Amino acid sequence: MAQSSSPAPSASAPADVPDVASLSYEQARDELVTVVSELEQGASTLERSLALWERGEALARRCEEWLLGARERLEAARRQAPAE
């Protein structure tokens, strides 16, 4: 799986925001939905919008990592499965 680098925390990011690399697929996906929703509604400041965008990009990369890993596992399982 590819390494992910999450953006450096910005001044507007809360200290209790978990590192993207520690999130499960479901956690990253759910947070990404929340980020997109907030961006669509219009964040309060440009700085907040940029912080949300950066977090969303990192979350999307994390989801993609999980999905690629799942695909690799499925392909490996198919190769090992006996032919029917």
PDB file of N, CA and C in Angstrom:
ATOM      1  N   MET A   1       0.827  -1.174   0.000  1.00  0.00           N
ATOM      2  CA  MET A   1       0.000   0.000   0.000  1.00  0.00           C
ATOM      3  C   MET A   1       0.875   1.242   0.000  1.00  0.00           C
ATOM      4  N   ALA A   2       0.474   2.258  -0.698  1.00  0.00           N
ATOM      5  CA  ALA A   2       1.243   3.497  -0.803  1.00  0.00           C
ATOM      6  C   ALA A   2       1.211   4.255   0.507  1.00  0.00           C
ATOM      7  N   GLN A   3       2.271   4.937   0.790  1.00  0.00           N
ATOM      8  CA  GLN A   3       2.334   5.759   1.989  1.00  0.00           C
ATOM      9  C   GLN A   3       1.552   7.036   1.781  1.00  0.00           C
ATOM     10  N   SER A   4       0.858   7.454   2.785  1.00  0.00           N
ATOM     11  CA  SER A   4       0.087   8.695   2.719  1.00  0.00           C
ATOM     12  C   SER A   4       0.734   9.714   3.629  1.00  0.00           C
ATOM     13  N   SER A   5       0.811  10.917   3.177  1.00  0.00           N
ATOM     14  CA  SER A   5       1.285  11.988   4.041  1.00  0.00           C
ATOM     15  C   SER A   5       0.145  12.960   4.214  1.00  0.00           C
ATOM     16  N   SER A   6      -0.282  13.097   5.453  1.00  0.00           N
ATOM     17  CA  SER A   6      -1.364  14.029   5.710  1.00  0.00           C
ATOM     18  C   SER A   6      -0.792  15.429   5.807  1.00  0.00           C
ATOM     19  N   PRO A   7      -1.607  16.428   5.463  1.00  0.00           N
ATOM     20  CA  PRO A   7      -1.108  17.790   5.510  1.00  0.00           C
ATOM     21  C   PRO A   7      -0.766  18.201   6.935  1.00  0.00           C
ATOM     22  N   ALA A   8       0.155  19.109   7.045  1.00  0.00           N
ATOM     23  CA  ALA A   8       0.496  19.629   8.359  1.00  0.00           C
ATOM     24  C   ALA A   8      -0.722  20.316   8.947  1.00  0.00           C
ATOM     25  N   PRO A   9      -0.957  20.138  10.241  1.00  0.00           N
ATOM     26  CA  PRO A   9      -2.123  20.773  10.842  1.00  0.00           C
ATOM     27  C   PRO A   9      -2.043  22.284  10.694  1.00  0.00           C
ATOM     28  N   SER A  10      -3.141  22.876  10.317  1.00  0.00           N
ATOM     29  CA  SER A  10      -3.166  24.332  10.188  1.00  0.00           C
ATOM     30  C   SER A  10      -3.601  24.944  11.507  1.00  0.00           C
ATOM     31  N   ALA A  11      -3.523  26.240  11.563  1.00  0.00           N
ATOM     32  CA  ALA A  11      -3.896  26.937  12.788  1.00  0.00           C
ATOM     33  C   ALA A  11      -5.365  26.723  13.115  1.00  0.00           C
ATOM     34  N   SER A  12      -6.199  26.454  12.089  1.00  0.00           N
ATOM     35  CA  SER A  12      -7.626  26.289  12.347  1.00  0.00           C
ATOM     36  C   SER A  12      -8.018  24.842  12.595  1.00  0.00           C
ATOM     37  N   ALA A  13      -7.083  23.892  12.458  1.00  0.00           N
ATOM     38  CA  ALA A  13      -7.402  22.479  12.680  1.00  0.00           C
ATOM     39  C   ALA A  13      -7.390  22.188  14.175  1.00  0.00           C
ATOM     40  N   PRO A  14      -8.441  21.532  14.675  1.00  0.00           N
ATOM     41  CA  PRO A  14      -8.473  21.193  16.093  1.00  0.00           C
ATOM     42  C   PRO A  14      -7.374  20.191  16.440  1.00  0.00           C
ATOM     43  N   ALA A  15      -6.870  20.261  17.649  1.00  0.00           N
ATOM     44  CA  ALA A  15      -5.803  19.373  18.081  1.00  0.00           C
ATOM     45  C   ALA A  15      -6.283  17.930  18.181  1.00  0.00           C
ATOM     46  N   ASP A  16      -7.589  17.693  18.349  1.00  0.00           N
ATOM     47  CA  ASP A  16      -8.108  16.340  18.525  1.00  0.00           C
ATOM     48  C   ASP A  16      -8.464  15.651  17.206  1.00  0.00           C
ATOM     49  N   VAL A  17      -8.117  16.246  16.063  1.00  0.00           N
ATOM     50  CA  VAL A  17      -8.383  15.627  14.766  1.00  0.00           C
ATOM     51  C   VAL A  17      -7.397  14.482  14.588  1.00  0.00           C
ATOM     52  N   PRO A  18      -7.895  13.248  14.350  1.00  0.00           N
ATOM     53  CA  PRO A  18      -6.984  12.110  14.221  1.00  0.00           C
ATOM     54  C   PRO A  18      -6.153  12.188  12.945  1.00  0.00           C
ATOM     55  N   ASP A  19      -4.962  11.608  13.019  1.00  0.00           N
ATOM     56  CA  ASP A  19      -4.093  11.516  11.860  1.00  0.00           C
ATOM     57  C   ASP A  19      -4.787  10.654  10.810  1.00  0.00           C
ATOM     58  N   VAL A  20      -4.789  11.094   9.569  1.00  0.00           N
ATOM     59  CA  VAL A  20      -5.474  10.392   8.486  1.00  0.00           C
ATOM     60  C   VAL A  20      -4.969   8.954   8.363  1.00  0.00           C
ATOM     61  N   ALA A  21      -3.671   8.743   8.540  1.00  0.00           N
ATOM     62  CA  ALA A  21      -3.090   7.411   8.384  1.00  0.00           C
ATOM     63  C   ALA A  21      -3.637   6.410   9.397  1.00  0.00           C
ATOM     64  N   SER A  22      -4.205   6.887  10.497  1.00  0.00           N
ATOM     65  CA  SER A  22      -4.723   5.984  11.528  1.00  0.00           C
ATOM     66  C   SER A  22      -6.195   5.622  11.315  1.00  0.00           C
ATOM     67  N   LEU A  23      -6.837   6.196  10.294  1.00  0.00           N
ATOM     68  CA  LEU A  23      -8.268   5.995  10.097  1.00  0.00           C
ATOM     69  C   LEU A  23      -8.581   4.738   9.295  1.00  0.00           C
ATOM     70  N   SER A  24      -9.665   4.076   9.676  1.00  0.00           N
ATOM     71  CA  SER A  24     -10.181   2.974   8.871  1.00  0.00           C
ATOM     72  C   SER A  24     -10.828   3.560   7.620  1.00  0.00           C
ATOM     73  N   TYR A  25     -11.148   2.693   6.672  1.00  0.00           N
ATOM     74  CA  TYR A  25     -11.813   3.163   5.457  1.00  0.00           C
ATOM     75  C   TYR A  25     -13.113   3.874   5.814  1.00  0.00           C
ATOM     76  N   GLU A  26     -13.916   3.258   6.679  1.00  0.00           N
ATOM     77  CA  GLU A  26     -15.215   3.828   7.029  1.00  0.00           C
ATOM     78  C   GLU A  26     -15.082   5.169   7.732  1.00  0.00           C
ATOM     79  N   GLN A  27     -14.102   5.284   8.618  1.00  0.00           N
ATOM     80  CA  GLN A  27     -13.881   6.556   9.312  1.00  0.00           C
ATOM     81  C   GLN A  27     -13.472   7.650   8.329  1.00  0.00           C
ATOM     82  N   ALA A  28     -12.550   7.312   7.437  1.00  0.00           N
ATOM     83  CA  ALA A  28     -12.084   8.293   6.447  1.00  0.00           C
ATOM     84  C   ALA A  28     -13.220   8.694   5.519  1.00  0.00           C
ATOM     85  N   ARG A  29     -14.000   7.720   5.066  1.00  0.00           N
ATOM     86  CA  ARG A  29     -15.124   8.006   4.160  1.00  0.00           C
ATOM     87  C   ARG A  29     -16.153   8.902   4.836  1.00  0.00           C
ATOM     88  N   ASP A  30     -16.507   8.569   6.080  1.00  0.00           N
ATOM     89  CA  ASP A  30     -17.514   9.364   6.793  1.00  0.00           C
ATOM     90  C   ASP A  30     -17.036  10.794   7.033  1.00  0.00           C
ATOM     91  N   GLU A  31     -15.762  10.943   7.401  1.00  0.00           N
ATOM     92  CA  GLU A  31     -15.239  12.295   7.619  1.00  0.00           C
ATOM     93  C   GLU A  31     -15.175  13.056   6.296  1.00  0.00           C
ATOM     94  N   LEU A  32     -14.827  12.364   5.208  1.00  0.00           N
ATOM     95  CA  LEU A  32     -14.779  13.002   3.891  1.00  0.00           C
ATOM     96  C   LEU A  32     -16.161  13.518   3.499  1.00  0.00           C
ATOM     97  N   VAL A  33     -17.202  12.757   3.773  1.00  0.00           N
ATOM     98  CA  VAL A  33     -18.571  13.201   3.487  1.00  0.00           C
ATOM     99  C   VAL A  33     -18.875  14.484   4.267  1.00  0.00           C
ATOM    100  N   THR A  34     -18.458  14.527   5.515  1.00  0.00           N
ATOM    101  CA  THR A  34     -18.677  15.711   6.349  1.00  0.00           C
ATOM    102  C   THR A  34     -17.908  16.915   5.804  1.00  0.00           C
ATOM    103  N   VAL A  35     -16.655  16.695   5.403  1.00  0.00           N
ATOM    104  CA  VAL A  35     -15.828  17.777   4.853  1.00  0.00           C
ATOM    105  C   VAL A  35     -16.457  18.328   3.582  1.00  0.00           C
ATOM    106  N   VAL A  36     -16.864  17.439   2.683  1.00  0.00           N
ATOM    107  CA  VAL A  36     -17.474  17.882   1.428  1.00  0.00           C
ATOM    108  C   VAL A  36     -18.742  18.680   1.704  1.00  0.00           C
ATOM    109  N   SER A  37     -19.548  18.206   2.634  1.00  0.00           N
ATOM    110  CA  SER A  37     -20.785  18.904   2.986  1.00  0.00           C
ATOM    111  C   SER A  37     -20.496  20.313   3.495  1.00  0.00           C
ATOM    112  N   GLU A  38     -19.483  20.424   4.365  1.00  0.00           N
ATOM    113  CA  GLU A  38     -19.144  21.744   4.906  1.00  0.00           C
ATOM    114  C   GLU A  38     -18.615  22.667   3.813  1.00  0.00           C
ATOM    115  N   LEU A  39     -17.807  22.113   2.902  1.00  0.00           N
ATOM    116  CA  LEU A  39     -17.298  22.925   1.793  1.00  0.00           C
ATOM    117  C   LEU A  39     -18.442  23.385   0.885  1.00  0.00           C
ATOM    118  N   GLU A  40     -19.399  22.513   0.634  1.00  0.00           N
ATOM    119  CA  GLU A  40     -20.535  22.865  -0.212  1.00  0.00           C
ATOM    120  C   GLU A  40     -21.397  23.954   0.419  1.00  0.00           C
ATOM    121  N   GLN A  41     -21.472  23.956   1.751  1.00  0.00           N
ATOM    122  CA  GLN A  41     -22.274  24.964   2.448  1.00  0.00           C
ATOM    123  C   GLN A  41     -21.546  26.294   2.540  1.00  0.00           C
ATOM    124  N   GLY A  42     -20.247  26.272   2.308  1.00  0.00           N
ATOM    125  CA  GLY A  42     -19.472  27.513   2.387  1.00  0.00           C
ATOM    126  C   GLY A  42     -18.876  27.677   3.766  1.00  0.00           C
ATOM    127  N   ALA A  43     -17.597  27.413   3.884  1.00  0.00           N
ATOM    128  CA  ALA A  43     -16.906  27.555   5.164  1.00  0.00           C
ATOM    129  C   ALA A  43     -16.836  29.028   5.532  1.00  0.00           C
ATOM    130  N   SER A  44     -16.609  29.284   6.804  1.00  0.00           N
ATOM    131  CA  SER A  44     -16.652  30.653   7.323  1.00  0.00           C
ATOM    132  C   SER A  44     -15.540  31.549   6.791  1.00  0.00           C
ATOM    133  N   THR A  45     -14.355  30.990   6.575  1.00  0.00           N
ATOM    134  CA  THR A  45     -13.233  31.806   6.100  1.00  0.00           C
ATOM    135  C   THR A  45     -12.486  31.068   4.996  1.00  0.00           C
ATOM    136  N   LEU A  46     -11.665  31.804   4.284  1.00  0.00           N
ATOM    137  CA  LEU A  46     -10.827  31.195   3.255  1.00  0.00           C
ATOM    138  C   LEU A  46      -9.862  30.205   3.890  1.00  0.00           C
ATOM    139  N   GLU A  47      -9.284  30.573   5.020  1.00  0.00           N
ATOM    140  CA  GLU A  47      -8.348  29.679   5.706  1.00  0.00           C
ATOM    141  C   GLU A  47      -9.040  28.374   6.094  1.00  0.00           C
ATOM    142  N   ARG A  48     -10.265  28.455   6.591  1.00  0.00           N
ATOM    143  CA  ARG A  48     -11.024  27.244   6.955  1.00  0.00           C
ATOM    144  C   ARG A  48     -11.321  26.415   5.710  1.00  0.00           C
ATOM    145  N   SER A  49     -11.680  27.069   4.617  1.00  0.00           N
ATOM    146  CA  SER A  49     -11.950  26.354   3.365  1.00  0.00           C
ATOM    147  C   SER A  49     -10.710  25.611   2.888  1.00  0.00           C
ATOM    148  N   LEU A  50      -9.555  26.267   2.946  1.00  0.00           N
ATOM    149  CA  LEU A  50      -8.312  25.626   2.529  1.00  0.00           C
ATOM    150  C   LEU A  50      -7.957  24.448   3.431  1.00  0.00           C
ATOM    151  N   ALA A  51      -8.150  24.608   4.738  1.00  0.00           N
ATOM    152  CA  ALA A  51      -7.869  23.519   5.673  1.00  0.00           C
ATOM    153  C   ALA A  51      -8.795  22.332   5.400  1.00  0.00           C
ATOM    154  N   LEU A  52     -10.058  22.616   5.124  1.00  0.00           N
ATOM    155  CA  LEU A  52     -11.002  21.544   4.795  1.00  0.00           C
ATOM    156  C   LEU A  52     -10.610  20.855   3.497  1.00  0.00           C
ATOM    157  N   TRP A  53     -10.234  21.643   2.502  1.00  0.00           N
ATOM    158  CA  TRP A  53      -9.826  21.072   1.210  1.00  0.00           C
ATOM    159  C   TRP A  53      -8.633  20.137   1.391  1.00  0.00           C
ATOM    160  N   GLU A  54      -7.619  20.596   2.137  1.00  0.00           N
ATOM    161  CA  GLU A  54      -6.433  19.780   2.381  1.00  0.00           C
ATOM    162  C   GLU A  54      -6.786  18.495   3.123  1.00  0.00           C
ATOM    163  N   ARG A  55      -7.641  18.616   4.127  1.00  0.00           N
ATOM    164  CA  ARG A  55      -8.067  17.424   4.877  1.00  0.00           C
ATOM    165  C   ARG A  55      -8.840  16.487   3.961  1.00  0.00           C
ATOM    166  N   GLY A  56      -9.704  17.034   3.136  1.00  0.00           N
ATOM    167  CA  GLY A  56     -10.478  16.216   2.211  1.00  0.00           C
ATOM    168  C   GLY A  56      -9.593  15.474   1.233  1.00  0.00           C
ATOM    169  N   GLU A  57      -8.569  16.141   0.713  1.00  0.00           N
ATOM    170  CA  GLU A  57      -7.630  15.481  -0.202  1.00  0.00           C
ATOM    171  C   GLU A  57      -6.926  14.324   0.500  1.00  0.00           C
ATOM    172  N   ALA A  58      -6.483  14.545   1.726  1.00  0.00           N
ATOM    173  CA  ALA A  58      -5.808  13.488   2.487  1.00  0.00           C
ATOM    174  C   ALA A  58      -6.766  12.334   2.776  1.00  0.00           C
ATOM    175  N   LEU A  59      -8.003  12.648   3.104  1.00  0.00           N
ATOM    176  CA  LEU A  59      -9.002  11.604   3.376  1.00  0.00           C
ATOM    177  C   LEU A  59      -9.305  10.794   2.110  1.00  0.00           C
ATOM    178  N   ALA A  60      -9.407  11.473   0.978  1.00  0.00           N
ATOM    179  CA  ALA A  60      -9.663  10.775  -0.282  1.00  0.00           C
ATOM    180  C   ALA A  60      -8.505   9.841  -0.623  1.00  0.00           C
ATOM    181  N   ARG A  61      -7.269  10.288  -0.395  1.00  0.00           N
ATOM    182  CA  ARG A  61      -6.106   9.419  -0.631  1.00  0.00           C
ATOM    183  C   ARG A  61      -6.146   8.203   0.284  1.00  0.00           C
ATOM    184  N   ARG A  62      -6.547   8.415   1.534  1.00  0.00           N
ATOM    185  CA  ARG A  62      -6.627   7.305   2.494  1.00  0.00           C
ATOM    186  C   ARG A  62      -7.673   6.292   2.047  1.00  0.00           C
ATOM    187  N   CYS A  63      -8.813   6.761   1.599  1.00  0.00           N
ATOM    188  CA  CYS A  63      -9.858   5.857   1.101  1.00  0.00           C
ATOM    189  C   CYS A  63      -9.332   5.066  -0.096  1.00  0.00           C
ATOM    190  N   GLU A  64      -8.637   5.746  -0.998  1.00  0.00           N
ATOM    191  CA  GLU A  64      -8.095   5.069  -2.173  1.00  0.00           C
ATOM    192  C   GLU A  64      -7.080   4.001  -1.769  1.00  0.00           C
ATOM    193  N   GLU A  65      -6.254   4.298  -0.762  1.00  0.00           N
ATOM    194  CA  GLU A  65      -5.293   3.303  -0.273  1.00  0.00           C
ATOM    195  C   GLU A  65      -6.013   2.048   0.217  1.00  0.00           C
ATOM    196  N   TRP A  66      -7.070   2.258   0.996  1.00  0.00           N
ATOM    197  CA  TRP A  66      -7.843   1.124   1.505  1.00  0.00           C
ATOM    198  C   TRP A  66      -8.455   0.324   0.365  1.00  0.00           C
ATOM    199  N   LEU A  67      -9.017   1.011  -0.612  1.00  0.00           N
ATOM    200  CA  LEU A  67      -9.655   0.319  -1.730  1.00  0.00           C
ATOM    201  C   LEU A  67      -8.632  -0.434  -2.578  1.00  0.00           C
ATOM    202  N   LEU A  68      -7.472   0.150  -2.812  1.00  0.00           N
ATOM    203  CA  LEU A  68      -6.420  -0.550  -3.557  1.00  0.00           C
ATOM    204  C   LEU A  68      -5.942  -1.781  -2.795  1.00  0.00           C
ATOM    205  N   GLY A  69      -5.803  -1.644  -1.497  1.00  0.00           N
ATOM    206  CA  GLY A  69      -5.411  -2.781  -0.666  1.00  0.00           C
ATOM    207  C   GLY A  69      -6.443  -3.898  -0.710  1.00  0.00           C
ATOM    208  N   ALA A  70      -7.709  -3.529  -0.678  1.00  0.00           N
ATOM    209  CA  ALA A  70      -8.776  -4.524  -0.753  1.00  0.00           C
ATOM    210  C   ALA A  70      -8.762  -5.223  -2.109  1.00  0.00           C
ATOM    211  N   ARG A  71      -8.544  -4.465  -3.161  1.00  0.00           N
ATOM    212  CA  ARG A  71      -8.473  -5.054  -4.513  1.00  0.00           C
ATOM    213  C   ARG A  71      -7.318  -6.047  -4.600  1.00  0.00           C
ATOM    214  N   GLU A  72      -6.170  -5.666  -4.059  1.00  0.00           N
ATOM    215  CA  GLU A  72      -5.004  -6.561  -4.070  1.00  0.00           C
ATOM    216  C   GLU A  72      -5.306  -7.851  -3.313  1.00  0.00           C
ATOM    217  N   ARG A  73      -5.975  -7.743  -2.173  1.00  0.00           N
ATOM    218  CA  ARG A  73      -6.324  -8.936  -1.395  1.00  0.00           C
ATOM    219  C   ARG A  73      -7.294  -9.830  -2.152  1.00  0.00           C
ATOM    220  N   LEU A  74      -8.266  -9.230  -2.817  1.00  0.00           N
ATOM    221  CA  LEU A  74      -9.217 -10.024  -3.602  1.00  0.00           C
ATOM    222  C   LEU A  74      -8.524 -10.732  -4.756  1.00  0.00           C
ATOM    223  N   GLU A  75      -7.646 -10.024  -5.455  1.00  0.00           N
ATOM    224  CA  GLU A  75      -6.922 -10.634  -6.565  1.00  0.00           C
ATOM    225  C   GLU A  75      -6.044 -11.778  -6.084  1.00  0.00           C
ATOM    226  N   ALA A  76      -5.392 -11.609  -4.936  1.00  0.00           N
ATOM    227  CA  ALA A  76      -4.561 -12.674  -4.379  1.00  0.00           C
ATOM    228  C   ALA A  76      -5.419 -13.877  -4.002  1.00  0.00           C
ATOM    229  N   ALA A  77      -6.582 -13.633  -3.428  1.00  0.00           N
ATOM    230  CA  ALA A  77      -7.481 -14.725  -3.059  1.00  0.00           C
ATOM    231  C   ALA A  77      -7.978 -15.468  -4.290  1.00  0.00           C
ATOM    232  N   ARG A  78      -8.271 -14.737  -5.348  1.00  0.00           N
ATOM    233  CA  ARG A  78      -8.721 -15.375  -6.592  1.00  0.00           C
ATOM    234  C   ARG A  78      -7.625 -16.248  -7.184  1.00  0.00           C
ATOM    235  N   ARG A  79      -6.390 -15.788  -7.122  1.00  0.00           N
ATOM    236  CA  ARG A  79      -5.271 -16.569  -7.664  1.00  0.00           C
ATOM    237  C   ARG A  79      -5.085 -17.858  -6.873  1.00  0.00           C
ATOM    238  N   GLN A  80      -5.360 -17.826  -5.574  1.00  0.00           N
ATOM    239  CA  GLN A  80      -5.157 -18.988  -4.720  1.00  0.00           C
ATOM    240  C   GLN A  80      -6.351 -19.934  -4.704  1.00  0.00           C
ATOM    241  N   ALA A  81      -7.527 -19.451  -5.132  1.00  0.00           N
ATOM    242  CA  ALA A  81      -8.739 -20.274  -5.118  1.00  0.00           C
ATOM    243  C   ALA A  81      -8.610 -21.376  -6.152  1.00  0.00           C
ATOM    244  N   PRO A  82      -9.070 -22.591  -5.805  1.00  0.00           N
ATOM    245  CA  PRO A  82      -9.015 -23.687  -6.775  1.00  0.00           C
ATOM    246  C   PRO A  82      -9.976 -23.403  -7.945  1.00  0.00           C
ATOM    247  N   ALA A  83      -9.572 -23.817  -9.143  1.00  0.00           N
ATOM    248  CA  ALA A  83     -10.409 -23.621 -10.323  1.00  0.00           C
ATOM    249  C   ALA A  83     -11.640 -24.501 -10.219  1.00  0.00           C
ATOM    250  N   GLU A  84     -12.791 -23.951 -10.567  1.00  0.00           N
ATOM    251  CA  GLU A  84     -14.036 -24.712 -10.475  1.00  0.00           C
ATOM    252  C   GLU A  84     -14.419 -25.285 -11.797  1.00  0.00           C
TER     253      GLU A  84
END
